[in-house]
Amino acid sequence: MGIFDKFKSQARHKGKQGSDTAEERMNERTGGKYEDQVDSGQQRVEGSLGMDRDRDRPEQQ
């Protein structure tokens, strides 16, 4: 694994943490009323950024 792959992996991990934190705070603020919609939105954003939710898979080249 090259140095750029290491940085990419770290950035993806930080992005996932930020996404999870945002989801938790949104659910807290709404009392969980819109939990399904928030989860769906989070999945769409992570998908568009190339971060697969609940699994890590190697990048295809």
N, C-alpha and C. Protein backbone atom coordinates (compact mmCIF):
# COMPACT_ATOMS: atom_id res chain seq x y z
N MET A 1 0.86 -1.17 0.00
CA MET A 1 0.00 0.00 0.00
C MET A 1 0.90 1.23 0.00
N GLY A 2 0.65 2.09 -0.96
CA GLY A 2 1.43 3.31 -1.07
C GLY A 2 0.97 4.37 -0.09
N ILE A 3 1.72 5.43 0.00
CA ILE A 3 1.41 6.49 0.95
C ILE A 3 0.09 7.18 0.60
N PHE A 4 -0.21 7.32 -0.69
CA PHE A 4 -1.46 7.97 -1.08
C PHE A 4 -2.67 7.09 -0.75
N ASP A 5 -2.50 5.77 -0.86
CA ASP A 5 -3.56 4.85 -0.49
C ASP A 5 -3.84 4.95 1.01
N LYS A 6 -2.79 5.12 1.79
CA LYS A 6 -2.94 5.25 3.24
C LYS A 6 -3.72 6.53 3.56
N PHE A 7 -3.38 7.64 2.92
CA PHE A 7 -4.09 8.89 3.15
C PHE A 7 -5.54 8.79 2.72
N LYS A 8 -5.78 8.12 1.59
CA LYS A 8 -7.13 7.95 1.09
C LYS A 8 -7.97 7.13 2.07
N SER A 9 -7.38 6.10 2.62
CA SER A 9 -8.07 5.27 3.59
C SER A 9 -8.40 6.06 4.86
N GLN A 10 -7.46 6.85 5.32
CA GLN A 10 -7.68 7.67 6.51
C GLN A 10 -8.77 8.71 6.27
N ALA A 11 -8.77 9.31 5.09
CA ALA A 11 -9.78 10.32 4.75
C ALA A 11 -11.16 9.68 4.68
N ARG A 12 -11.24 8.51 4.11
CA ARG A 12 -12.52 7.81 4.03
C ARG A 12 -13.04 7.48 5.43
N HIS A 13 -12.13 7.06 6.31
CA HIS A 13 -12.51 6.73 7.68
C HIS A 13 -13.03 7.97 8.41
N LYS A 14 -12.33 9.09 8.26
CA LYS A 14 -12.76 10.34 8.90
C LYS A 14 -14.12 10.80 8.34
N GLY A 15 -14.30 10.64 7.03
CA GLY A 15 -15.56 11.01 6.41
C GLY A 15 -16.71 10.17 6.93
N LYS A 16 -16.47 8.89 7.12
CA LYS A 16 -17.49 7.98 7.66
C LYS A 16 -17.84 8.36 9.09
N GLN A 17 -16.83 8.70 9.88
CA GLN A 17 -17.08 9.13 11.26
C GLN A 17 -17.93 10.40 11.29
N GLY A 18 -17.60 11.34 10.43
CA GLY A 18 -18.37 12.59 10.35
C GLY A 18 -19.80 12.35 9.91
N SER A 19 -19.98 11.46 8.96
CA SER A 19 -21.31 11.13 8.47
C SER A 19 -22.14 10.47 9.57
N ASP A 20 -21.54 9.55 10.30
CA ASP A 20 -22.25 8.88 11.40
C ASP A 20 -22.63 9.87 12.50
N THR A 21 -21.71 10.79 12.81
CA THR A 21 -21.98 11.79 13.84
C THR A 21 -23.13 12.69 13.41
N ALA A 22 -23.12 13.10 12.15
CA ALA A 22 -24.21 13.95 11.64
C ALA A 22 -25.54 13.23 11.71
N GLU A 23 -25.54 11.95 11.38
CA GLU A 23 -26.78 11.16 11.44
C GLU A 23 -27.30 11.08 12.88
N GLU A 24 -26.41 10.81 13.81
CA GLU A 24 -26.80 10.72 15.22
C GLU A 24 -27.40 12.04 15.72
N ARG A 25 -26.75 13.14 15.40
CA ARG A 25 -27.24 14.45 15.86
C ARG A 25 -28.58 14.80 15.23
N MET A 26 -28.74 14.47 13.97
CA MET A 26 -30.01 14.74 13.29
C MET A 26 -31.13 13.93 13.93
N ASN A 27 -30.85 12.67 14.24
CA ASN A 27 -31.87 11.84 14.88
C ASN A 27 -32.18 12.32 16.30
N GLU A 28 -31.18 12.83 17.00
CA GLU A 28 -31.41 13.38 18.34
C GLU A 28 -32.30 14.62 18.26
N ARG A 29 -32.02 15.50 17.31
CA ARG A 29 -32.78 16.74 17.18
C ARG A 29 -34.22 16.51 16.78
N THR A 30 -34.47 15.45 15.99
CA THR A 30 -35.82 15.18 15.53
C THR A 30 -36.51 14.13 16.40
N GLY A 31 -35.83 13.67 17.42
CA GLY A 31 -36.40 12.66 18.29
C GLY A 31 -36.58 11.32 17.60
N GLY A 32 -35.83 11.09 16.55
CA GLY A 32 -35.90 9.84 15.81
C GLY A 32 -37.11 9.75 14.89
N LYS A 33 -37.85 10.85 14.79
CA LYS A 33 -39.08 10.86 13.99
C LYS A 33 -38.81 10.60 12.51
N TYR A 34 -37.68 11.07 12.01
CA TYR A 34 -37.34 10.93 10.59
C TYR A 34 -36.13 10.02 10.39
N GLU A 35 -35.98 9.04 11.25
CA GLU A 35 -34.80 8.18 11.23
C GLU A 35 -34.61 7.49 9.88
N ASP A 36 -35.68 6.98 9.29
CA ASP A 36 -35.57 6.29 8.01
C ASP A 36 -35.12 7.23 6.91
N GLN A 37 -35.66 8.45 6.89
CA GLN A 37 -35.29 9.43 5.86
C GLN A 37 -33.84 9.87 6.03
N VAL A 38 -33.43 10.07 7.28
CA VAL A 38 -32.04 10.49 7.55
C VAL A 38 -31.08 9.38 7.12
N ASP A 39 -31.43 8.14 7.43
CA ASP A 39 -30.58 7.01 7.05
C ASP A 39 -30.49 6.89 5.54
N SER A 40 -31.60 7.05 4.86
CA SER A 40 -31.62 6.99 3.40
C SER A 40 -30.75 8.09 2.80
N GLY A 41 -30.86 9.28 3.34
CA GLY A 41 -30.04 10.39 2.87
C GLY A 41 -28.56 10.15 3.10
N GLN A 42 -28.24 9.59 4.24
CA GLN A 42 -26.84 9.30 4.55
C GLN A 42 -26.29 8.27 3.57
N GLN A 43 -27.07 7.26 3.26
CA GLN A 43 -26.63 6.24 2.31
C GLN A 43 -26.40 6.84 0.93
N ARG A 44 -27.27 7.73 0.51
CA ARG A 44 -27.11 8.37 -0.81
C ARG A 44 -25.84 9.22 -0.86
N VAL A 45 -25.61 9.98 0.18
CA VAL A 45 -24.42 10.84 0.21
C VAL A 45 -23.16 9.99 0.22
N GLU A 46 -23.12 8.98 1.08
CA GLU A 46 -21.94 8.12 1.15
C GLU A 46 -21.73 7.39 -0.17
N GLY A 47 -22.81 6.97 -0.81
CA GLY A 47 -22.69 6.30 -2.10
C GLY A 47 -22.13 7.22 -3.17
N SER A 48 -22.58 8.47 -3.17
CA SER A 48 -22.08 9.41 -4.17
C SER A 48 -20.63 9.79 -3.94
N LEU A 49 -20.18 9.67 -2.69
CA LEU A 49 -18.78 9.97 -2.36
C LEU A 49 -17.89 8.73 -2.45
N GLY A 50 -18.49 7.59 -2.77
CA GLY A 50 -17.70 6.36 -2.91
C GLY A 50 -17.42 5.66 -1.60
N MET A 51 -18.16 6.00 -0.58
CA MET A 51 -17.99 5.33 0.71
C MET A 51 -19.14 4.34 0.88
N ASP A 52 -18.83 3.06 0.76
CA ASP A 52 -19.87 2.06 0.94
C ASP A 52 -20.16 1.90 2.41
N ARG A 53 -21.39 1.85 2.72
CA ARG A 53 -21.82 1.73 4.10
C ARG A 53 -21.77 0.29 4.56
N ASP A 54 -21.32 0.06 5.75
CA ASP A 54 -21.30 -1.24 6.41
C ASP A 54 -20.37 -2.26 5.75
N ARG A 55 -19.52 -1.85 4.82
CA ARG A 55 -18.55 -2.76 4.25
C ARG A 55 -17.44 -1.99 3.58
N ASP A 56 -16.28 -2.54 3.62
CA ASP A 56 -15.13 -1.96 2.93
C ASP A 56 -14.75 -2.93 1.83
N ARG A 57 -14.62 -2.42 0.64
CA ARG A 57 -14.20 -3.27 -0.46
C ARG A 57 -13.04 -2.58 -1.17
N PRO A 58 -12.16 -3.36 -1.74
CA PRO A 58 -11.03 -2.74 -2.43
C PRO A 58 -11.50 -1.99 -3.67
N GLU A 59 -10.81 -0.93 -3.98
CA GLU A 59 -11.11 -0.13 -5.17
C GLU A 59 -10.80 -0.96 -6.41
N GLN A 60 -11.66 -0.87 -7.40
CA GLN A 60 -11.41 -1.56 -8.66
C GLN A 60 -10.57 -0.67 -9.56
N GLN A 61 -9.58 -1.24 -10.20
CA GLN A 61 -8.70 -0.45 -11.06
C GLN A 61 -8.85 -0.85 -12.49
